[in-house]
Amino acid sequence: MYERKTTPNLNCGLDLIGEVLYGKWKIRLLWFIDQGHQRPSELQRKIPDASRRVLNVQLKELEDHELITRKIYPVVPPKVEYRLSEFGRTLIPVIAAMGQWSDQHEARLREVILKQTVSAD
């Protein structure tokens, strides 16, 4: 498992939120869990570009940051479900606002992102 070698910089709220949400799939994971997709296989289907290993690592980090809870059912094969914690639910309006901002500026964002992609080639 990954072990952090440096102490995180936690001087302000932006540092804190970055520390908690840093990870390519974390915002989507929180959103999809809120939408009712609670099983790891459902989350994998919603985010097919992510490997199962990366999703598991990011789910564990979200759990460690107390944004989600994990319930393991004592059945064979094991059944696992994730739910947002009360604390995690407080992020959903923030994520929704970021999505609305992105929708409002979609054309410009696509243009800028594509321009960066082309100039990198």
PDB file of N, CA and C in Angstrom:
ATOM      1  N   MET A   1       0.832  -1.180   0.000  1.00  0.00           N
ATOM      2  CA  MET A   1       0.000   0.000   0.000  1.00  0.00           C
ATOM      3  C   MET A   1       0.874   1.239   0.000  1.00  0.00           C
ATOM      4  N   TYR A   2       0.381   2.285  -0.608  1.00  0.00           N
ATOM      5  CA  TYR A   2       1.111   3.545  -0.696  1.00  0.00           C
ATOM      6  C   TYR A   2       1.294   4.147   0.691  1.00  0.00           C
ATOM      7  N   GLU A   3       2.506   4.584   0.969  1.00  0.00           N
ATOM      8  CA  GLU A   3       2.785   5.273   2.228  1.00  0.00           C
ATOM      9  C   GLU A   3       3.330   6.650   1.908  1.00  0.00           C
ATOM     10  N   ARG A   4       2.666   7.672   2.420  1.00  0.00           N
ATOM     11  CA  ARG A   4       3.050   9.052   2.146  1.00  0.00           C
ATOM     12  C   ARG A   4       4.400   9.356   2.789  1.00  0.00           C
ATOM     13  N   LYS A   5       5.280  10.002   2.022  1.00  0.00           N
ATOM     14  CA  LYS A   5       6.619  10.317   2.500  1.00  0.00           C
ATOM     15  C   LYS A   5       6.751  11.752   2.988  1.00  0.00           C
ATOM     16  N   THR A   6       5.785  12.599   2.633  1.00  0.00           N
ATOM     17  CA  THR A   6       5.835  13.996   3.060  1.00  0.00           C
ATOM     18  C   THR A   6       4.560  14.345   3.815  1.00  0.00           C
ATOM     19  N   THR A   7       4.662  15.322   4.669  1.00  0.00           N
ATOM     20  CA  THR A   7       3.500  15.806   5.405  1.00  0.00           C
ATOM     21  C   THR A   7       2.674  16.697   4.489  1.00  0.00           C
ATOM     22  N   PRO A   8       1.351  16.487   4.457  1.00  0.00           N
ATOM     23  CA  PRO A   8       0.534  17.335   3.583  1.00  0.00           C
ATOM     24  C   PRO A   8       0.515  18.782   4.070  1.00  0.00           C
ATOM     25  N   ASN A   9       0.395  19.700   3.121  1.00  0.00           N
ATOM     26  CA  ASN A   9       0.284  21.121   3.406  1.00  0.00           C
ATOM     27  C   ASN A   9      -1.194  21.419   3.643  1.00  0.00           C
ATOM     28  N   LEU A  10      -1.551  21.747   4.877  1.00  0.00           N
ATOM     29  CA  LEU A  10      -2.951  21.960   5.235  1.00  0.00           C
ATOM     30  C   LEU A  10      -3.160  23.357   5.812  1.00  0.00           C
ATOM     31  N   ASN A  11      -2.675  24.358   5.099  1.00  0.00           N
ATOM     32  CA  ASN A  11      -2.719  25.727   5.608  1.00  0.00           C
ATOM     33  C   ASN A  11      -4.043  26.442   5.394  1.00  0.00           C
ATOM     34  N   CYS A  12      -4.860  25.974   4.474  1.00  0.00           N
ATOM     35  CA  CYS A  12      -6.125  26.656   4.212  1.00  0.00           C
ATOM     36  C   CYS A  12      -7.158  25.642   3.724  1.00  0.00           C
ATOM     37  N   GLY A  13      -8.379  26.140   3.564  1.00  0.00           N
ATOM     38  CA  GLY A  13      -9.472  25.280   3.128  1.00  0.00           C
ATOM     39  C   GLY A  13      -9.246  24.631   1.777  1.00  0.00           C
ATOM     40  N   LEU A  14      -8.603  25.355   0.856  1.00  0.00           N
ATOM     41  CA  LEU A  14      -8.334  24.784  -0.462  1.00  0.00           C
ATOM     42  C   LEU A  14      -7.344  23.625  -0.369  1.00  0.00           C
ATOM     43  N   ASP A  15      -6.355  23.755   0.523  1.00  0.00           N
ATOM     44  CA  ASP A  15      -5.421  22.648   0.748  1.00  0.00           C
ATOM     45  C   ASP A  15      -6.165  21.436   1.292  1.00  0.00           C
ATOM     46  N   LEU A  16      -7.063  21.679   2.224  1.00  0.00           N
ATOM     47  CA  LEU A  16      -7.814  20.582   2.840  1.00  0.00           C
ATOM     48  C   LEU A  16      -8.691  19.859   1.823  1.00  0.00           C
ATOM     49  N   ILE A  17      -9.457  20.620   1.038  1.00  0.00           N
ATOM     50  CA  ILE A  17     -10.341  19.985   0.057  1.00  0.00           C
ATOM     51  C   ILE A  17      -9.534  19.272  -1.018  1.00  0.00           C
ATOM     52  N   GLY A  18      -8.400  19.858  -1.392  1.00  0.00           N
ATOM     53  CA  GLY A  18      -7.537  19.192  -2.363  1.00  0.00           C
ATOM     54  C   GLY A  18      -7.019  17.873  -1.827  1.00  0.00           C
ATOM     55  N   GLU A  19      -6.639  17.853  -0.569  1.00  0.00           N
ATOM     56  CA  GLU A  19      -6.138  16.624   0.052  1.00  0.00           C
ATOM     57  C   GLU A  19      -7.210  15.537   0.072  1.00  0.00           C
ATOM     58  N   VAL A  20      -8.444  15.930   0.364  1.00  0.00           N
ATOM     59  CA  VAL A  20      -9.535  14.962   0.476  1.00  0.00           C
ATOM     60  C   VAL A  20     -10.029  14.493  -0.889  1.00  0.00           C
ATOM     61  N   LEU A  21     -10.093  15.400  -1.870  1.00  0.00           N
ATOM     62  CA  LEU A  21     -10.670  15.045  -3.172  1.00  0.00           C
ATOM     63  C   LEU A  21      -9.639  14.788  -4.264  1.00  0.00           C
ATOM     64  N   TYR A  22      -8.343  14.909  -3.942  1.00  0.00           N
ATOM     65  CA  TYR A  22      -7.326  14.634  -4.948  1.00  0.00           C
ATOM     66  C   TYR A  22      -7.455  13.188  -5.390  1.00  0.00           C
ATOM     67  N   GLY A  23      -7.578  12.979  -6.667  1.00  0.00           N
ATOM     68  CA  GLY A  23      -7.747  11.651  -7.243  1.00  0.00           C
ATOM     69  C   GLY A  23      -8.714  11.769  -8.408  1.00  0.00           C
ATOM     70  N   LYS A  24      -8.354  11.189  -9.499  1.00  0.00           N
ATOM     71  CA  LYS A  24      -9.099  11.377 -10.741  1.00  0.00           C
ATOM     72  C   LYS A  24     -10.575  10.999 -10.633  1.00  0.00           C
ATOM     73  N   TRP A  25     -10.893  10.004  -9.824  1.00  0.00           N
ATOM     74  CA  TRP A  25     -12.253   9.469  -9.834  1.00  0.00           C
ATOM     75  C   TRP A  25     -13.051   9.792  -8.579  1.00  0.00           C
ATOM     76  N   LYS A  26     -12.479  10.448  -7.588  1.00  0.00           N
ATOM     77  CA  LYS A  26     -13.167  10.619  -6.302  1.00  0.00           C
ATOM     78  C   LYS A  26     -14.465  11.415  -6.406  1.00  0.00           C
ATOM     79  N   ILE A  27     -14.471  12.490  -7.155  1.00  0.00           N
ATOM     80  CA  ILE A  27     -15.698  13.287  -7.271  1.00  0.00           C
ATOM     81  C   ILE A  27     -16.790  12.460  -7.927  1.00  0.00           C
ATOM     82  N   ARG A  28     -16.437  11.739  -8.980  1.00  0.00           N
ATOM     83  CA  ARG A  28     -17.427  10.876  -9.641  1.00  0.00           C
ATOM     84  C   ARG A  28     -17.908   9.781  -8.705  1.00  0.00           C
ATOM     85  N   LEU A  29     -17.004   9.178  -7.939  1.00  0.00           N
ATOM     86  CA  LEU A  29     -17.405   8.129  -6.999  1.00  0.00           C
ATOM     87  C   LEU A  29     -18.422   8.667  -6.001  1.00  0.00           C
ATOM     88  N   LEU A  30     -18.143   9.827  -5.435  1.00  0.00           N
ATOM     89  CA  LEU A  30     -19.085  10.415  -4.482  1.00  0.00           C
ATOM     90  C   LEU A  30     -20.437  10.671  -5.148  1.00  0.00           C
ATOM     91  N   TRP A  31     -20.408  11.209  -6.366  1.00  0.00           N
ATOM     92  CA  TRP A  31     -21.647  11.514  -7.080  1.00  0.00           C
ATOM     93  C   TRP A  31     -22.447  10.244  -7.361  1.00  0.00           C
ATOM     94  N   PHE A  32     -21.784   9.225  -7.879  1.00  0.00           N
ATOM     95  CA  PHE A  32     -22.491   7.991  -8.230  1.00  0.00           C
ATOM     96  C   PHE A  32     -22.996   7.255  -6.991  1.00  0.00           C
ATOM     97  N   ILE A  33     -22.242   7.283  -5.907  1.00  0.00           N
ATOM     98  CA  ILE A  33     -22.730   6.666  -4.666  1.00  0.00           C
ATOM     99  C   ILE A  33     -23.981   7.400  -4.198  1.00  0.00           C
ATOM    100  N   ASP A  34     -23.968   8.723  -4.287  1.00  0.00           N
ATOM    101  CA  ASP A  34     -25.151   9.503  -3.914  1.00  0.00           C
ATOM    102  C   ASP A  34     -26.338   9.167  -4.812  1.00  0.00           C
ATOM    103  N   GLN A  35     -26.085   8.845  -6.077  1.00  0.00           N
ATOM    104  CA  GLN A  35     -27.151   8.512  -7.022  1.00  0.00           C
ATOM    105  C   GLN A  35     -27.674   7.085  -6.851  1.00  0.00           C
ATOM    106  N   GLY A  36     -27.090   6.330  -5.909  1.00  0.00           N
ATOM    107  CA  GLY A  36     -27.599   4.998  -5.607  1.00  0.00           C
ATOM    108  C   GLY A  36     -26.754   3.844  -6.118  1.00  0.00           C
ATOM    109  N   HIS A  37     -25.626   4.118  -6.730  1.00  0.00           N
ATOM    110  CA  HIS A  37     -24.743   3.053  -7.214  1.00  0.00           C
ATOM    111  C   HIS A  37     -23.773   2.712  -6.086  1.00  0.00           C
ATOM    112  N   GLN A  38     -24.083   1.660  -5.327  1.00  0.00           N
ATOM    113  CA  GLN A  38     -23.375   1.402  -4.087  1.00  0.00           C
ATOM    114  C   GLN A  38     -22.425   0.211  -4.142  1.00  0.00           C
ATOM    115  N   ARG A  39     -22.614  -0.676  -5.084  1.00  0.00           N
ATOM    116  CA  ARG A  39     -21.760  -1.854  -5.168  1.00  0.00           C
ATOM    117  C   ARG A  39     -20.520  -1.545  -6.006  1.00  0.00           C
ATOM    118  N   PRO A  40     -19.358  -2.127  -5.667  1.00  0.00           N
ATOM    119  CA  PRO A  40     -18.145  -1.880  -6.461  1.00  0.00           C
ATOM    120  C   PRO A  40     -18.325  -2.180  -7.943  1.00  0.00           C
ATOM    121  N   SER A  41     -19.062  -3.248  -8.274  1.00  0.00           N
ATOM    122  CA  SER A  41     -19.267  -3.585  -9.689  1.00  0.00           C
ATOM    123  C   SER A  41     -20.102  -2.518 -10.397  1.00  0.00           C
ATOM    124  N   GLU A  42     -21.077  -1.930  -9.706  1.00  0.00           N
ATOM    125  CA  GLU A  42     -21.875  -0.851 -10.300  1.00  0.00           C
ATOM    126  C   GLU A  42     -21.007   0.378 -10.557  1.00  0.00           C
ATOM    127  N   LEU A  43     -20.150   0.693  -9.586  1.00  0.00           N
ATOM    128  CA  LEU A  43     -19.264   1.847  -9.742  1.00  0.00           C
ATOM    129  C   LEU A  43     -18.285   1.622 -10.887  1.00  0.00           C
ATOM    130  N   GLN A  44     -17.803   0.400 -11.034  1.00  0.00           N
ATOM    131  CA  GLN A  44     -16.891   0.066 -12.129  1.00  0.00           C
ATOM    132  C   GLN A  44     -17.588   0.250 -13.477  1.00  0.00           C
ATOM    133  N   ARG A  45     -18.855  -0.136 -13.559  1.00  0.00           N
ATOM    134  CA  ARG A  45     -19.609   0.045 -14.814  1.00  0.00           C
ATOM    135  C   ARG A  45     -19.834   1.527 -15.116  1.00  0.00           C
ATOM    136  N   LYS A  46     -20.032   2.340 -14.072  1.00  0.00           N
ATOM    137  CA  LYS A  46     -20.241   3.773 -14.267  1.00  0.00           C
ATOM    138  C   LYS A  46     -18.948   4.488 -14.670  1.00  0.00           C
ATOM    139  N   ILE A  47     -17.795   3.928 -14.280  1.00  0.00           N
ATOM    140  CA  ILE A  47     -16.498   4.543 -14.577  1.00  0.00           C
ATOM    141  C   ILE A  47     -15.607   3.487 -15.241  1.00  0.00           C
ATOM    142  N   PRO A  48     -15.919   3.094 -16.470  1.00  0.00           N
ATOM    143  CA  PRO A  48     -15.192   2.000 -17.102  1.00  0.00           C
ATOM    144  C   PRO A  48     -13.719   2.297 -17.395  1.00  0.00           C
ATOM    145  N   ASP A  49     -13.337   3.561 -17.485  1.00  0.00           N
ATOM    146  CA  ASP A  49     -11.933   3.899 -17.761  1.00  0.00           C
ATOM    147  C   ASP A  49     -11.022   3.680 -16.562  1.00  0.00           C
ATOM    148  N   ALA A  50     -11.591   3.553 -15.389  1.00  0.00           N
ATOM    149  CA  ALA A  50     -10.795   3.360 -14.174  1.00  0.00           C
ATOM    150  C   ALA A  50     -10.599   1.864 -13.913  1.00  0.00           C
ATOM    151  N   SER A  51      -9.406   1.509 -13.494  1.00  0.00           N
ATOM    152  CA  SER A  51      -9.166   0.111 -13.145  1.00  0.00           C
ATOM    153  C   SER A  51      -9.810  -0.192 -11.799  1.00  0.00           C
ATOM    154  N   ARG A  52     -10.124  -1.442 -11.575  1.00  0.00           N
ATOM    155  CA  ARG A  52     -10.732  -1.844 -10.297  1.00  0.00           C
ATOM    156  C   ARG A  52      -9.801  -1.497  -9.143  1.00  0.00           C
ATOM    157  N   ARG A  53      -8.498  -1.685  -9.336  1.00  0.00           N
ATOM    158  CA  ARG A  53      -7.525  -1.396  -8.288  1.00  0.00           C
ATOM    159  C   ARG A  53      -7.545   0.085  -7.899  1.00  0.00           C
ATOM    160  N   VAL A  54      -7.547   0.972  -8.892  1.00  0.00           N
ATOM    161  CA  VAL A  54      -7.558   2.414  -8.616  1.00  0.00           C
ATOM    162  C   VAL A  54      -8.857   2.806  -7.920  1.00  0.00           C
ATOM    163  N   LEU A  55      -9.981   2.263  -8.376  1.00  0.00           N
ATOM    164  CA  LEU A  55     -11.247   2.565  -7.715  1.00  0.00           C
ATOM    165  C   LEU A  55     -11.222   2.114  -6.263  1.00  0.00           C
ATOM    166  N   ASN A  56     -10.679   0.925  -6.013  1.00  0.00           N
ATOM    167  CA  ASN A  56     -10.610   0.422  -4.639  1.00  0.00           C
ATOM    168  C   ASN A  56      -9.739   1.316  -3.761  1.00  0.00           C
ATOM    169  N   VAL A  57      -8.608   1.777  -4.300  1.00  0.00           N
ATOM    170  CA  VAL A  57      -7.721   2.672  -3.539  1.00  0.00           C
ATOM    171  C   VAL A  57      -8.445   3.970  -3.222  1.00  0.00           C
ATOM    172  N   GLN A  58      -9.124   4.540  -4.223  1.00  0.00           N
ATOM    173  CA  GLN A  58      -9.795   5.811  -3.995  1.00  0.00           C
ATOM    174  C   GLN A  58     -11.018   5.658  -3.088  1.00  0.00           C
ATOM    175  N   LEU A  59     -11.722   4.539  -3.178  1.00  0.00           N
ATOM    176  CA  LEU A  59     -12.819   4.275  -2.251  1.00  0.00           C
ATOM    177  C   LEU A  59     -12.290   4.166  -0.819  1.00  0.00           C
ATOM    178  N   LYS A  60     -11.162   3.504  -0.652  1.00  0.00           N
ATOM    179  CA  LYS A  60     -10.546   3.375   0.680  1.00  0.00           C
ATOM    180  C   LYS A  60     -10.165   4.750   1.228  1.00  0.00           C
ATOM    181  N   GLU A  61      -9.603   5.607   0.382  1.00  0.00           N
ATOM    182  CA  GLU A  61      -9.235   6.952   0.818  1.00  0.00           C
ATOM    183  C   GLU A  61     -10.473   7.764   1.207  1.00  0.00           C
ATOM    184  N   LEU A  62     -11.544   7.644   0.435  1.00  0.00           N
ATOM    185  CA  LEU A  62     -12.788   8.340   0.784  1.00  0.00           C
ATOM    186  C   LEU A  62     -13.338   7.823   2.111  1.00  0.00           C
ATOM    187  N   GLU A  63     -13.195   6.538   2.329  1.00  0.00           N
ATOM    188  CA  GLU A  63     -13.623   5.944   3.606  1.00  0.00           C
ATOM    189  C   GLU A  63     -12.737   6.448   4.750  1.00  0.00           C
ATOM    190  N   ASP A  64     -11.432   6.500   4.524  1.00  0.00           N
ATOM    191  CA  ASP A  64     -10.503   6.998   5.547  1.00  0.00           C
ATOM    192  C   ASP A  64     -10.791   8.456   5.900  1.00  0.00           C
ATOM    193  N   HIS A  65     -11.254   9.234   4.911  1.00  0.00           N
ATOM    194  CA  HIS A  65     -11.582  10.641   5.149  1.00  0.00           C
ATOM    195  C   HIS A  65     -13.021  10.815   5.656  1.00  0.00           C
ATOM    196  N   GLU A  66     -13.682   9.696   5.937  1.00  0.00           N
ATOM    197  CA  GLU A  66     -15.024   9.665   6.532  1.00  0.00           C
ATOM    198  C   GLU A  66     -16.103  10.288   5.641  1.00  0.00           C
ATOM    199  N   LEU A  67     -15.890  10.225   4.324  1.00  0.00           N
ATOM    200  CA  LEU A  67     -16.891  10.724   3.381  1.00  0.00           C
ATOM    201  C   LEU A  67     -17.867   9.633   2.969  1.00  0.00           C
ATOM    202  N   ILE A  68     -17.423   8.374   3.036  1.00  0.00           N
ATOM    203  CA  ILE A  68     -18.289   7.238   2.725  1.00  0.00           C
ATOM    204  C   ILE A  68     -18.131   6.188   3.823  1.00  0.00           C
ATOM    205  N   THR A  69     -19.108   5.299   3.883  1.00  0.00           N
ATOM    206  CA  THR A  69     -19.010   4.147   4.773  1.00  0.00           C
ATOM    207  C   THR A  69     -19.095   2.887   3.922  1.00  0.00           C
ATOM    208  N   ARG A  70     -18.491   1.845   4.408  1.00  0.00           N
ATOM    209  CA  ARG A  70     -18.502   0.560   3.701  1.00  0.00           C
ATOM    210  C   ARG A  70     -19.158  -0.466   4.599  1.00  0.00           C
ATOM    211  N   LYS A  71     -20.078  -1.214   4.032  1.00  0.00           N
ATOM    212  CA  LYS A  71     -20.724  -2.299   4.767  1.00  0.00           C
ATOM    213  C   LYS A  71     -20.411  -3.609   4.057  1.00  0.00           C
ATOM    214  N   ILE A  72     -19.894  -4.554   4.810  1.00  0.00           N
ATOM    215  CA  ILE A  72     -19.587  -5.877   4.275  1.00  0.00           C
ATOM    216  C   ILE A  72     -20.628  -6.845   4.833  1.00  0.00           C
ATOM    217  N   TYR A  73     -21.342  -7.513   3.943  1.00  0.00           N
ATOM    218  CA  TYR A  73     -22.355  -8.477   4.350  1.00  0.00           C
ATOM    219  C   TYR A  73     -21.716  -9.856   4.485  1.00  0.00           C
ATOM    220  N   PRO A  74     -22.066 -10.596   5.534  1.00  0.00           N
ATOM    221  CA  PRO A  74     -21.460 -11.915   5.772  1.00  0.00           C
ATOM    222  C   PRO A  74     -22.098 -13.013   4.916  1.00  0.00           C
ATOM    223  N   VAL A  75     -21.884 -12.923   3.607  1.00  0.00           N
ATOM    224  CA  VAL A  75     -22.396 -13.928   2.674  1.00  0.00           C
ATOM    225  C   VAL A  75     -21.246 -14.385   1.792  1.00  0.00           C
ATOM    226  N   VAL A  76     -21.473 -15.493   1.103  1.00  0.00           N
ATOM    227  CA  VAL A  76     -20.480 -16.004   0.167  1.00  0.00           C
ATOM    228  C   VAL A  76     -21.106 -15.981  -1.210  1.00  0.00           C
ATOM    229  N   PRO A  77     -20.491 -15.314  -2.194  1.00  0.00           N
ATOM    230  CA  PRO A  77     -19.290 -14.493  -2.083  1.00  0.00           C
ATOM    231  C   PRO A  77     -19.595 -13.212  -1.305  1.00  0.00           C
ATOM    232  N   PRO A  78     -18.550 -12.567  -0.769  1.00  0.00           N
ATOM    233  CA  PRO A  78     -18.778 -11.371   0.038  1.00  0.00           C
ATOM    234  C   PRO A  78     -19.495 -10.271  -0.758  1.00  0.00           C
ATOM    235  N   LYS A  79     -20.365  -9.568  -0.080  1.00  0.00           N
ATOM    236  CA  LYS A  79     -21.094  -8.459  -0.701  1.00  0.00           C
ATOM    237  C   LYS A  79     -20.686  -7.184   0.034  1.00  0.00           C
ATOM    238  N   VAL A  80     -20.305  -6.167  -0.738  1.00  0.00           N
ATOM    239  CA  VAL A  80     -19.877  -4.887  -0.177  1.00  0.00           C
ATOM    240  C   VAL A  80     -20.744  -3.787  -0.766  1.00  0.00           C
ATOM    241  N   GLU A  81     -21.146  -2.856   0.092  1.00  0.00           N
ATOM    242  CA  GLU A  81     -21.886  -1.683  -0.362  1.00  0.00           C
ATOM    243  C   GLU A  81     -21.280  -0.433   0.260  1.00  0.00           C
ATOM    244  N   TYR A  82     -21.284   0.636  -0.517  1.00  0.00           N
ATOM    245  CA  TYR A  82     -20.790   1.930  -0.047  1.00  0.00           C
ATOM    246  C   TYR A  82     -21.967   2.892   0.036  1.00  0.00           C
ATOM    247  N   ARG A  83     -21.921   3.748   1.041  1.00  0.00           N
ATOM    248  CA  ARG A  83     -22.911   4.812   1.204  1.00  0.00           C
ATOM    249  C   ARG A  83     -22.197   6.085   1.620  1.00  0.00           C
ATOM    250  N   LEU A  84     -22.793   7.217   1.285  1.00  0.00           N
ATOM    251  CA  LEU A  84     -22.249   8.478   1.759  1.00  0.00           C
ATOM    252  C   LEU A  84     -22.511   8.592   3.251  1.00  0.00           C
ATOM    253  N   SER A  85     -21.539   9.108   3.960  1.00  0.00           N
ATOM    254  CA  SER A  85     -21.752   9.442   5.365  1.00  0.00           C
ATOM    255  C   SER A  85     -22.498  10.776   5.411  1.00  0.00           C
ATOM    256  N   GLU A  86     -22.955  11.162   6.589  1.00  0.00           N
ATOM    257  CA  GLU A  86     -23.579  12.487   6.734  1.00  0.00           C
ATOM    258  C   GLU A  86     -22.593  13.568   6.294  1.00  0.00           C
ATOM    259  N   PHE A  87     -21.330  13.402   6.684  1.00  0.00           N
ATOM    260  CA  PHE A  87     -20.268  14.330   6.315  1.00  0.00           C
ATOM    261  C   PHE A  87     -20.102  14.364   4.797  1.00  0.00           C
ATOM    262  N   GLY A  88     -20.114  13.194   4.145  1.00  0.00           N
ATOM    263  CA  GLY A  88     -19.970  13.109   2.694  1.00  0.00           C
ATOM    264  C   GLY A  88     -21.125  13.768   1.963  1.00  0.00           C
ATOM    265  N   ARG A  89     -22.337  13.679   2.536  1.00  0.00           N
ATOM    266  CA  ARG A  89     -23.499  14.306   1.896  1.00  0.00           C
ATOM    267  C   ARG A  89     -23.345  15.818   1.794  1.00  0.00           C
ATOM    268  N   THR A  90     -22.564  16.409   2.701  1.00  0.00           N
ATOM    269  CA  THR A  90     -22.385  17.863   2.652  1.00  0.00           C
ATOM    270  C   THR A  90     -21.595  18.298   1.425  1.00  0.00           C
ATOM    271  N   LEU A  91     -20.898  17.375   0.776  1.00  0.00           N
ATOM    272  CA  LEU A  91     -20.132  17.706  -0.433  1.00  0.00           C
ATOM    273  C   LEU A  91     -20.979  17.684  -1.700  1.00  0.00           C
ATOM    274  N   ILE A  92     -22.118  17.026  -1.686  1.00  0.00           N
ATOM    275  CA  ILE A  92     -22.920  16.865  -2.899  1.00  0.00           C
ATOM    276  C   ILE A  92     -23.351  18.211  -3.486  1.00  0.00           C
ATOM    277  N   PRO A  93     -23.810  19.190  -2.692  1.00  0.00           N
ATOM    278  CA  PRO A  93     -24.133  20.494  -3.300  1.00  0.00           C
ATOM    279  C   PRO A  93     -22.916  21.174  -3.930  1.00  0.00           C
ATOM    280  N   VAL A  94     -21.754  20.974  -3.358  1.00  0.00           N
ATOM    281  CA  VAL A  94     -20.523  21.553  -3.910  1.00  0.00           C
ATOM    282  C   VAL A  94     -20.206  20.896  -5.253  1.00  0.00           C
ATOM    283  N   ILE A  95     -20.305  19.581  -5.304  1.00  0.00           N
ATOM    284  CA  ILE A  95     -20.053  18.844  -6.552  1.00  0.00           C
ATOM    285  C   ILE A  95     -21.079  19.245  -7.611  1.00  0.00           C
ATOM    286  N   ALA A  96     -22.335  19.391  -7.210  1.00  0.00           N
ATOM    287  CA  ALA A  96     -23.382  19.808  -8.150  1.00  0.00           C
ATOM    288  C   ALA A  96     -23.082  21.198  -8.699  1.00  0.00           C
ATOM    289  N   ALA A  97     -22.625  22.104  -7.836  1.00  0.00           N
ATOM    290  CA  ALA A  97     -22.291  23.463  -8.287  1.00  0.00           C
ATOM    291  C   ALA A  97     -21.124  23.432  -9.274  1.00  0.00           C
ATOM    292  N   MET A  98     -20.128  22.595  -9.021  1.00  0.00           N
ATOM    293  CA  MET A  98     -19.004  22.493  -9.962  1.00  0.00           C
ATOM    294  C   MET A  98     -19.486  21.936 -11.294  1.00  0.00           C
ATOM    295  N   GLY A  99     -20.391  20.970 -11.260  1.00  0.00           N
ATOM    296  CA  GLY A  99     -20.948  20.425 -12.495  1.00  0.00           C
ATOM    297  C   GLY A  99     -21.727  21.456 -13.274  1.00  0.00           C
ATOM    298  N   GLN A 100     -22.509  22.284 -12.580  1.00  0.00           N
ATOM    299  CA  GLN A 100     -23.266  23.348 -13.249  1.00  0.00           C
ATOM    300  C   GLN A 100     -22.320  24.366 -13.879  1.00  0.00           C
ATOM    301  N   TRP A 101     -21.263  24.730 -13.162  1.00  0.00           N
ATOM    302  CA  TRP A 101     -20.283  25.673 -13.702  1.00  0.00           C
ATOM    303  C   TRP A 101     -19.669  25.101 -14.979  1.00  0.00           C
ATOM    304  N   SER A 102     -19.316  23.814 -14.923  1.00  0.00           N
ATOM    305  CA  SER A 102     -18.722  23.154 -16.086  1.00  0.00           C
ATOM    306  C   SER A 102     -19.699  23.112 -17.258  1.00  0.00           C
ATOM    307  N   ASP A 103     -20.967  22.829 -16.966  1.00  0.00           N
ATOM    308  CA  ASP A 103     -21.978  22.824 -18.029  1.00  0.00           C
ATOM    309  C   ASP A 103     -22.107  24.211 -18.665  1.00  0.00           C
ATOM    310  N   GLN A 104     -22.061  25.268 -17.853  1.00  0.00           N
ATOM    311  CA  GLN A 104     -22.189  26.630 -18.368  1.00  0.00           C
ATOM    312  C   GLN A 104     -20.999  27.029 -19.236  1.00  0.00           C
ATOM    313  N   HIS A 105     -19.851  26.455 -18.978  1.00  0.00           N
ATOM    314  CA  HIS A 105     -18.629  26.824 -19.696  1.00  0.00           C
ATOM    315  C   HIS A 105     -18.075  25.666 -20.527  1.00  0.00           C
ATOM    316  N   GLU A 106     -18.961  24.738 -20.879  1.00  0.00           N
ATOM    317  CA  GLU A 106     -18.540  23.513 -21.568  1.00  0.00           C
ATOM    318  C   GLU A 106     -17.756  23.786 -22.843  1.00  0.00           C
ATOM    319  N   ALA A 107     -18.260  24.645 -23.712  1.00  0.00           N
ATOM    320  CA  ALA A 107     -17.588  24.894 -24.997  1.00  0.00           C
ATOM    321  C   ALA A 107     -16.176  25.444 -24.773  1.00  0.00           C
ATOM    322  N   ARG A 108     -16.063  26.420 -23.906  1.00  0.00           N
ATOM    323  CA  ARG A 108     -14.750  27.024 -23.647  1.00  0.00           C
ATOM    324  C   ARG A 108     -13.792  26.012 -23.014  1.00  0.00           C
ATOM    325  N   LEU A 109     -14.282  25.228 -22.069  1.00  0.00           N
ATOM    326  CA  LEU A 109     -13.427  24.230 -21.422  1.00  0.00           C
ATOM    327  C   LEU A 109     -12.947  23.188 -22.423  1.00  0.00           C
ATOM    328  N   ARG A 110     -13.864  22.715 -23.288  1.00  0.00           N
ATOM    329  CA  ARG A 110     -13.458  21.734 -24.304  1.00  0.00           C
ATOM    330  C   ARG A 110     -12.389  22.312 -25.226  1.00  0.00           C
ATOM    331  N   GLU A 111     -12.586  23.556 -25.620  1.00  0.00           N
ATOM    332  CA  GLU A 111     -11.633  24.214 -26.513  1.00  0.00           C
ATOM    333  C   GLU A 111     -10.251  24.309 -25.863  1.00  0.00           C
ATOM    334  N   VAL A 112     -10.210  24.747 -24.636  1.00  0.00           N
ATOM    335  CA  VAL A 112      -8.933  24.901 -23.926  1.00  0.00           C
ATOM    336  C   VAL A 112      -8.261  23.543 -23.720  1.00  0.00           C
ATOM    337  N   ILE A 113      -9.029  22.559 -23.315  1.00  0.00           N
ATOM    338  CA  ILE A 113      -8.469  21.221 -23.076  1.00  0.00           C
ATOM    339  C   ILE A 113      -7.939  20.622 -24.373  1.00  0.00           C
ATOM    340  N   LEU A 114      -8.727  20.725 -25.442  1.00  0.00           N
ATOM    341  CA  LEU A 114      -8.286  20.183 -26.731  1.00  0.00           C
ATOM    342  C   LEU A 114      -7.056  20.910 -27.253  1.00  0.00           C
ATOM    343  N   LYS A 115      -6.988  22.218 -27.041  1.00  0.00           N
ATOM    344  CA  LYS A 115      -5.833  22.985 -27.471  1.00  0.00           C
ATOM    345  C   LYS A 115      -4.563  22.478 -26.747  1.00  0.00           C
ATOM    346  N   GLN A 116      -4.693  22.190 -25.464  1.00  0.00           N
ATOM    347  CA  GLN A 116      -3.560  21.659 -24.703  1.00  0.00           C
ATOM    348  C   GLN A 116      -3.148  20.284 -25.215  1.00  0.00           C
ATOM    349  N   THR A 117      -4.125  19.471 -25.572  1.00  0.00           N
ATOM    350  CA  THR A 117      -3.846  18.135 -26.066  1.00  0.00           C
ATOM    351  C   THR A 117      -3.105  18.188 -27.393  1.00  0.00           C
ATOM    352  N   VAL A 118      -3.560  19.072 -28.287  1.00  0.00           N
ATOM    353  CA  VAL A 118      -2.929  19.199 -29.604  1.00  0.00           C
ATOM    354  C   VAL A 118      -1.516  19.760 -29.463  1.00  0.00           C
ATOM    355  N   SER A 119      -1.314  20.750 -28.605  1.00  0.00           N
ATOM    356  CA  SER A 119       0.018  21.347 -28.456  1.00  0.00           C
ATOM    357  C   SER A 119       0.992  20.389 -27.782  1.00  0.00           C
ATOM    358  N   ALA A 120       0.492  19.417 -27.050  1.00  0.00           N
ATOM    359  CA  ALA A 120       1.366  18.424 -26.415  1.00  0.00           C
ATOM    360  C   ALA A 120       1.891  17.412 -27.426  1.00  0.00           C
ATOM    361  N   ASP A 121       1.164  17.240 -28.526  1.00  0.00           N
ATOM    362  CA  ASP A 121       1.572  16.251 -29.542  1.00  0.00           C
ATOM    363  C   ASP A 121       2.697  16.717 -30.365  1.00  0.00           C
TER     364      ASP A 121
END
